[in-house]
Each structure stands twice: as structure tokens, then as C-alpha cells.
Amino acid sequence: MKLIIAYIKPERLSAVKQELYKRDVHKMSITNALGCGQQRGYHENYRGADIEVNLLKKVRLEIAVNEKFIDPTIEAIIAGAKTGNIGDGKIFVQTLSQCIRIRTGETGNKAIG
């Protein structure tokens, strides 16, 4: 079992979800996030004042998957999020030591579904 965490551009979320659905990955958590990487933000002029915006809007996806869905999930995120520009995002893959479905008490691979 793995936990795949991805940070992507908000405008690419719809495309990423469509790619995940094509690969039968339907269970995910999505939250709004702020962050910066190589982009280092940008400067904006607001009412005559120069403002440095260095935390950019991102979307965080968390997807718990069984072994056979690791590669398809990663491929789907890349296919949907990639524009070829700085700021496309990052994917992190972590080992998931345990998963428990609260409703039924199932554990492990059965709990992920």
C-alpha cells in the first residue's frame, strides 16, 4: 500500500481527475494549499504598492492505492498536470503502513478498496 501525494496547479485539477478516472482511480482527497518552488513567486502592483507574492495557490491530492495502482496513478497525475512549464508540481510516494475502514473495520488492502 502506498500514499501518493501530489501538488499541482489548480487549473489542472479537472484534467488530472479525468486521467485518474480513465485508470479506474476514483478515491482521493483534495485540499487547497499554498507553496513555492522554483517559481519563487512573482511581483504584483496593487494600488500603487509593489507586492511580492511568493506563496502560490496549489492543490494537494492524496490518494491511497494498492500495489497494482501505483504506476497508473502516477502516470495519470503526470498526464493531467504536465504543461512543460515551471510550477507543474511534485509527486511524493510514501509507504502506507496501515489502513482501516472505519465503517466495517476492514484493514489493509481491503480497506483501500
N, C-alpha and C. Protein backbone atom coordinates (compact mmCIF):
# COMPACT_ATOMS: atom_id res chain seq x y z
N MET A 1 0.85 -1.18 0.00
CA MET A 1 0.00 0.00 0.00
C MET A 1 0.89 1.24 0.00
N LYS A 2 0.49 2.22 -0.78
CA LYS A 2 1.24 3.47 -0.87
C LYS A 2 0.28 4.65 -0.75
N LEU A 3 0.81 5.75 -0.25
CA LEU A 3 0.10 7.01 -0.21
C LEU A 3 0.79 7.93 -1.20
N ILE A 4 0.06 8.33 -2.22
CA ILE A 4 0.61 9.22 -3.25
C ILE A 4 0.09 10.62 -2.97
N ILE A 5 1.02 11.54 -2.79
CA ILE A 5 0.69 12.94 -2.54
C ILE A 5 1.22 13.75 -3.70
N ALA A 6 0.35 14.56 -4.29
CA ALA A 6 0.77 15.39 -5.43
C ALA A 6 0.34 16.83 -5.20
N TYR A 7 1.21 17.74 -5.56
CA TYR A 7 0.90 19.17 -5.57
C TYR A 7 0.86 19.61 -7.02
N ILE A 8 -0.26 20.16 -7.46
CA ILE A 8 -0.44 20.54 -8.85
C ILE A 8 -1.05 21.94 -8.93
N LYS A 9 -1.07 22.50 -10.13
CA LYS A 9 -1.72 23.78 -10.37
C LYS A 9 -3.23 23.59 -10.28
N PRO A 10 -3.93 24.54 -9.66
CA PRO A 10 -5.38 24.39 -9.52
C PRO A 10 -6.11 24.24 -10.85
N GLU A 11 -5.65 24.91 -11.87
CA GLU A 11 -6.34 24.85 -13.16
C GLU A 11 -6.16 23.50 -13.86
N ARG A 12 -5.26 22.65 -13.36
CA ARG A 12 -5.03 21.33 -13.95
C ARG A 12 -5.80 20.23 -13.20
N LEU A 13 -6.51 20.58 -12.15
CA LEU A 13 -7.21 19.57 -11.34
C LEU A 13 -8.22 18.78 -12.16
N SER A 14 -9.01 19.44 -12.97
CA SER A 14 -10.02 18.74 -13.77
C SER A 14 -9.37 17.72 -14.71
N ALA A 15 -8.29 18.12 -15.36
CA ALA A 15 -7.60 17.21 -16.28
C ALA A 15 -7.00 16.02 -15.54
N VAL A 16 -6.44 16.26 -14.35
CA VAL A 16 -5.87 15.17 -13.56
C VAL A 16 -6.96 14.20 -13.13
N LYS A 17 -8.09 14.72 -12.67
CA LYS A 17 -9.19 13.85 -12.27
C LYS A 17 -9.68 13.00 -13.43
N GLN A 18 -9.79 13.57 -14.61
CA GLN A 18 -10.23 12.80 -15.78
C GLN A 18 -9.25 11.67 -16.10
N GLU A 19 -7.95 11.97 -16.01
CA GLU A 19 -6.93 10.94 -16.26
C GLU A 19 -6.99 9.84 -15.20
N LEU A 20 -7.23 10.21 -13.95
CA LEU A 20 -7.36 9.21 -12.89
C LEU A 20 -8.58 8.32 -13.13
N TYR A 21 -9.70 8.93 -13.51
CA TYR A 21 -10.92 8.16 -13.76
C TYR A 21 -10.72 7.16 -14.90
N LYS A 22 -9.97 7.55 -15.93
CA LYS A 22 -9.69 6.64 -17.05
C LYS A 22 -8.95 5.39 -16.59
N ARG A 23 -8.18 5.54 -15.51
CA ARG A 23 -7.38 4.42 -15.00
C ARG A 23 -8.02 3.76 -13.78
N ASP A 24 -9.32 4.00 -13.59
CA ASP A 24 -10.10 3.39 -12.50
C ASP A 24 -9.61 3.79 -11.11
N VAL A 25 -9.10 5.00 -10.98
CA VAL A 25 -8.75 5.54 -9.66
C VAL A 25 -9.79 6.60 -9.35
N HIS A 26 -10.66 6.31 -8.37
CA HIS A 26 -11.77 7.21 -8.07
C HIS A 26 -11.73 7.78 -6.66
N LYS A 27 -10.93 7.22 -5.78
CA LYS A 27 -10.91 7.64 -4.38
C LYS A 27 -9.71 8.55 -4.15
N MET A 28 -9.99 9.77 -3.69
CA MET A 28 -8.91 10.73 -3.45
C MET A 28 -9.39 11.80 -2.49
N SER A 29 -8.45 12.47 -1.87
CA SER A 29 -8.73 13.65 -1.05
C SER A 29 -8.03 14.83 -1.72
N ILE A 30 -8.74 15.96 -1.77
CA ILE A 30 -8.19 17.14 -2.42
C ILE A 30 -8.33 18.32 -1.48
N THR A 31 -7.22 19.05 -1.28
CA THR A 31 -7.25 20.24 -0.44
C THR A 31 -6.49 21.36 -1.14
N ASN A 32 -6.85 22.59 -0.82
CA ASN A 32 -6.13 23.74 -1.33
C ASN A 32 -4.86 23.94 -0.50
N ALA A 33 -3.80 24.37 -1.15
CA ALA A 33 -2.52 24.57 -0.47
C ALA A 33 -1.84 25.81 -1.03
N LEU A 34 -0.88 26.32 -0.28
CA LEU A 34 -0.03 27.42 -0.74
C LEU A 34 1.41 26.94 -0.69
N GLY A 35 2.21 27.35 -1.67
CA GLY A 35 3.60 26.94 -1.65
C GLY A 35 4.37 27.57 -2.79
N CYS A 36 5.66 27.34 -2.78
CA CYS A 36 6.50 27.81 -3.88
C CYS A 36 7.69 26.87 -4.03
N GLY A 37 8.21 26.87 -5.21
CA GLY A 37 9.37 26.04 -5.53
C GLY A 37 10.30 26.86 -6.39
N GLN A 38 10.61 26.35 -7.58
CA GLN A 38 11.49 27.07 -8.49
C GLN A 38 10.89 28.38 -8.97
N GLN A 39 9.57 28.48 -8.92
CA GLN A 39 8.91 29.69 -9.39
C GLN A 39 9.30 30.91 -8.55
N ARG A 40 9.45 30.69 -7.28
CA ARG A 40 9.79 31.74 -6.32
C ARG A 40 8.79 32.89 -6.31
N GLY A 41 7.60 32.68 -6.76
CA GLY A 41 6.56 33.70 -6.72
C GLY A 41 6.69 34.73 -7.83
N TYR A 42 6.03 35.88 -7.62
CA TYR A 42 6.04 36.95 -8.62
C TYR A 42 5.75 38.27 -7.93
N HIS A 43 5.96 39.37 -8.64
CA HIS A 43 5.67 40.70 -8.12
C HIS A 43 4.39 41.22 -8.74
N GLU A 44 3.62 41.92 -7.94
CA GLU A 44 2.36 42.47 -8.40
C GLU A 44 2.23 43.90 -7.89
N ASN A 45 1.65 44.76 -8.69
CA ASN A 45 1.43 46.13 -8.28
C ASN A 45 -0.04 46.29 -7.92
N TYR A 46 -0.31 46.56 -6.65
CA TYR A 46 -1.68 46.69 -6.17
C TYR A 46 -1.85 48.07 -5.55
N ARG A 47 -2.69 48.88 -6.18
CA ARG A 47 -2.96 50.25 -5.71
C ARG A 47 -1.68 51.04 -5.48
N GLY A 48 -0.78 50.90 -6.40
CA GLY A 48 0.47 51.65 -6.36
C GLY A 48 1.55 51.05 -5.49
N ALA A 49 1.27 49.98 -4.80
CA ALA A 49 2.26 49.34 -3.93
C ALA A 49 2.76 48.06 -4.59
N ASP A 50 4.07 47.88 -4.54
CA ASP A 50 4.68 46.67 -5.09
C ASP A 50 4.58 45.56 -4.05
N ILE A 51 3.92 44.47 -4.43
CA ILE A 51 3.70 43.36 -3.52
C ILE A 51 4.40 42.12 -4.07
N GLU A 52 5.16 41.45 -3.22
CA GLU A 52 5.79 40.20 -3.62
C GLU A 52 4.90 39.04 -3.18
N VAL A 53 4.45 38.26 -4.14
CA VAL A 53 3.64 37.09 -3.86
C VAL A 53 4.54 35.87 -4.04
N ASN A 54 4.96 35.28 -2.91
CA ASN A 54 5.87 34.13 -3.03
C ASN A 54 5.23 32.81 -2.61
N LEU A 55 3.99 32.84 -2.17
CA LEU A 55 3.26 31.60 -1.92
C LEU A 55 2.13 31.51 -2.94
N LEU A 56 2.25 30.56 -3.82
CA LEU A 56 1.31 30.42 -4.92
C LEU A 56 0.26 29.37 -4.60
N LYS A 57 -0.91 29.52 -5.19
CA LYS A 57 -2.01 28.57 -4.97
C LYS A 57 -1.68 27.25 -5.66
N LYS A 58 -1.85 26.19 -4.92
CA LYS A 58 -1.67 24.83 -5.42
C LYS A 58 -2.82 23.97 -4.91
N VAL A 59 -2.94 22.79 -5.47
CA VAL A 59 -3.92 21.81 -5.00
C VAL A 59 -3.14 20.57 -4.56
N ARG A 60 -3.51 20.04 -3.41
CA ARG A 60 -2.86 18.84 -2.88
C ARG A 60 -3.81 17.67 -3.04
N LEU A 61 -3.35 16.63 -3.72
CA LEU A 61 -4.12 15.40 -3.87
C LEU A 61 -3.47 14.33 -3.00
N GLU A 62 -4.28 13.58 -2.29
CA GLU A 62 -3.80 12.43 -1.52
C GLU A 62 -4.59 11.22 -1.98
N ILE A 63 -3.87 10.21 -2.43
CA ILE A 63 -4.52 9.02 -2.97
C ILE A 63 -3.83 7.79 -2.38
N ALA A 64 -4.58 6.98 -1.64
CA ALA A 64 -4.07 5.72 -1.11
C ALA A 64 -4.39 4.63 -2.11
N VAL A 65 -3.37 3.87 -2.51
CA VAL A 65 -3.56 2.85 -3.54
C VAL A 65 -2.89 1.53 -3.16
N ASN A 66 -3.42 0.45 -3.72
CA ASN A 66 -2.77 -0.85 -3.63
C ASN A 66 -1.66 -0.91 -4.66
N GLU A 67 -0.81 -1.92 -4.54
CA GLU A 67 0.39 -2.03 -5.37
C GLU A 67 0.12 -1.92 -6.87
N LYS A 68 -0.94 -2.54 -7.37
CA LYS A 68 -1.18 -2.55 -8.81
C LYS A 68 -1.61 -1.19 -9.36
N PHE A 69 -1.99 -0.26 -8.49
CA PHE A 69 -2.44 1.05 -8.94
C PHE A 69 -1.39 2.15 -8.77
N ILE A 70 -0.21 1.82 -8.28
CA ILE A 70 0.82 2.83 -8.05
C ILE A 70 1.23 3.50 -9.36
N ASP A 71 1.69 2.72 -10.32
CA ASP A 71 2.16 3.29 -11.59
C ASP A 71 1.04 3.96 -12.38
N PRO A 72 -0.15 3.36 -12.52
CA PRO A 72 -1.22 4.05 -13.24
C PRO A 72 -1.60 5.39 -12.60
N THR A 73 -1.57 5.46 -11.28
CA THR A 73 -1.92 6.70 -10.59
C THR A 73 -0.88 7.78 -10.88
N ILE A 74 0.37 7.43 -10.79
CA ILE A 74 1.44 8.39 -11.07
C ILE A 74 1.38 8.85 -12.52
N GLU A 75 1.18 7.90 -13.44
CA GLU A 75 1.08 8.25 -14.86
C GLU A 75 -0.10 9.17 -15.13
N ALA A 76 -1.21 8.94 -14.46
CA ALA A 76 -2.39 9.78 -14.65
C ALA A 76 -2.15 11.20 -14.16
N ILE A 77 -1.51 11.34 -13.01
CA ILE A 77 -1.23 12.68 -12.48
C ILE A 77 -0.30 13.43 -13.42
N ILE A 78 0.72 12.76 -13.90
CA ILE A 78 1.65 13.41 -14.83
C ILE A 78 0.94 13.80 -16.12
N ALA A 79 0.14 12.90 -16.67
CA ALA A 79 -0.56 13.18 -17.93
C ALA A 79 -1.51 14.36 -17.80
N GLY A 80 -2.17 14.49 -16.66
CA GLY A 80 -3.12 15.57 -16.48
C GLY A 80 -2.51 16.88 -16.06
N ALA A 81 -1.40 16.84 -15.32
CA ALA A 81 -0.82 18.06 -14.74
C ALA A 81 0.29 18.68 -15.57
N LYS A 82 0.92 17.91 -16.44
CA LYS A 82 2.11 18.40 -17.14
C LYS A 82 1.77 19.42 -18.22
N THR A 83 2.39 20.60 -18.09
CA THR A 83 2.30 21.63 -19.14
C THR A 83 3.66 21.90 -19.75
N GLY A 84 4.71 21.44 -19.08
CA GLY A 84 6.07 21.69 -19.55
C GLY A 84 6.66 22.97 -18.99
N ASN A 85 5.92 23.64 -18.12
CA ASN A 85 6.39 24.89 -17.53
C ASN A 85 6.76 24.69 -16.07
N ILE A 86 7.59 25.60 -15.55
CA ILE A 86 7.92 25.57 -14.13
C ILE A 86 6.63 25.71 -13.33
N GLY A 87 6.51 24.93 -12.26
CA GLY A 87 5.33 25.00 -11.41
C GLY A 87 4.30 23.94 -11.67
N ASP A 88 4.63 22.97 -12.54
CA ASP A 88 3.68 21.89 -12.81
C ASP A 88 3.40 21.06 -11.58
N GLY A 89 4.34 20.97 -10.65
CA GLY A 89 4.07 20.29 -9.39
C GLY A 89 5.07 19.20 -9.05
N LYS A 90 4.74 18.47 -8.00
CA LYS A 90 5.57 17.39 -7.49
C LYS A 90 4.67 16.24 -7.07
N ILE A 91 5.24 15.03 -7.11
CA ILE A 91 4.55 13.83 -6.64
C ILE A 91 5.46 13.15 -5.61
N PHE A 92 4.88 12.80 -4.48
CA PHE A 92 5.60 12.08 -3.43
C PHE A 92 4.89 10.74 -3.21
N VAL A 93 5.68 9.67 -3.06
CA VAL A 93 5.12 8.34 -2.83
C VAL A 93 5.67 7.85 -1.49
N GLN A 94 4.75 7.57 -0.58
CA GLN A 94 5.13 7.11 0.75
C GLN A 94 4.53 5.73 1.01
N THR A 95 5.25 4.94 1.78
CA THR A 95 4.73 3.65 2.19
C THR A 95 3.63 3.87 3.22
N LEU A 96 2.55 3.18 3.04
CA LEU A 96 1.41 3.28 3.94
C LEU A 96 1.40 2.03 4.81
N SER A 97 1.71 2.18 6.08
CA SER A 97 1.86 1.00 6.94
C SER A 97 0.54 0.37 7.33
N GLN A 98 -0.51 1.17 7.40
CA GLN A 98 -1.79 0.59 7.81
C GLN A 98 -2.94 1.44 7.27
N CYS A 99 -4.04 0.78 6.97
CA CYS A 99 -5.27 1.45 6.56
C CYS A 99 -6.43 0.71 7.19
N ILE A 100 -7.35 1.47 7.77
CA ILE A 100 -8.52 0.87 8.43
C ILE A 100 -9.77 1.58 7.93
N ARG A 101 -10.73 0.82 7.44
CA ARG A 101 -12.02 1.39 7.06
C ARG A 101 -12.88 1.45 8.31
N ILE A 102 -13.24 2.64 8.71
CA ILE A 102 -13.97 2.85 9.96
C ILE A 102 -15.31 2.13 9.96
N ARG A 103 -16.05 2.22 8.87
CA ARG A 103 -17.40 1.66 8.82
C ARG A 103 -17.42 0.15 9.07
N THR A 104 -16.48 -0.60 8.44
CA THR A 104 -16.53 -2.06 8.52
C THR A 104 -15.44 -2.67 9.39
N GLY A 105 -14.41 -1.89 9.70
CA GLY A 105 -13.29 -2.43 10.46
C GLY A 105 -12.28 -3.17 9.62
N GLU A 106 -12.49 -3.21 8.29
CA GLU A 106 -11.53 -3.88 7.39
C GLU A 106 -10.18 -3.18 7.48
N THR A 107 -9.12 -3.96 7.28
CA THR A 107 -7.78 -3.39 7.32
C THR A 107 -7.00 -3.77 6.07
N GLY A 108 -5.91 -3.06 5.84
CA GLY A 108 -5.00 -3.37 4.75
C GLY A 108 -5.58 -3.06 3.37
N ASN A 109 -5.24 -3.92 2.40
CA ASN A 109 -5.65 -3.72 1.01
C ASN A 109 -7.16 -3.67 0.85
N LYS A 110 -7.88 -4.46 1.63
CA LYS A 110 -9.35 -4.47 1.53
C LYS A 110 -9.92 -3.12 1.95
N ALA A 111 -9.30 -2.45 2.89
CA ALA A 111 -9.80 -1.16 3.37
C ALA A 111 -9.62 -0.06 2.32
N ILE A 112 -8.57 -0.15 1.53
CA ILE A 112 -8.35 0.86 0.49
C ILE A 112 -9.36 0.69 -0.62
N GLY A 113 -9.65 -0.55 -0.98
CA GLY A 113 -10.66 -0.81 -2.00
C GLY A 113 -10.12 -0.97 -3.38
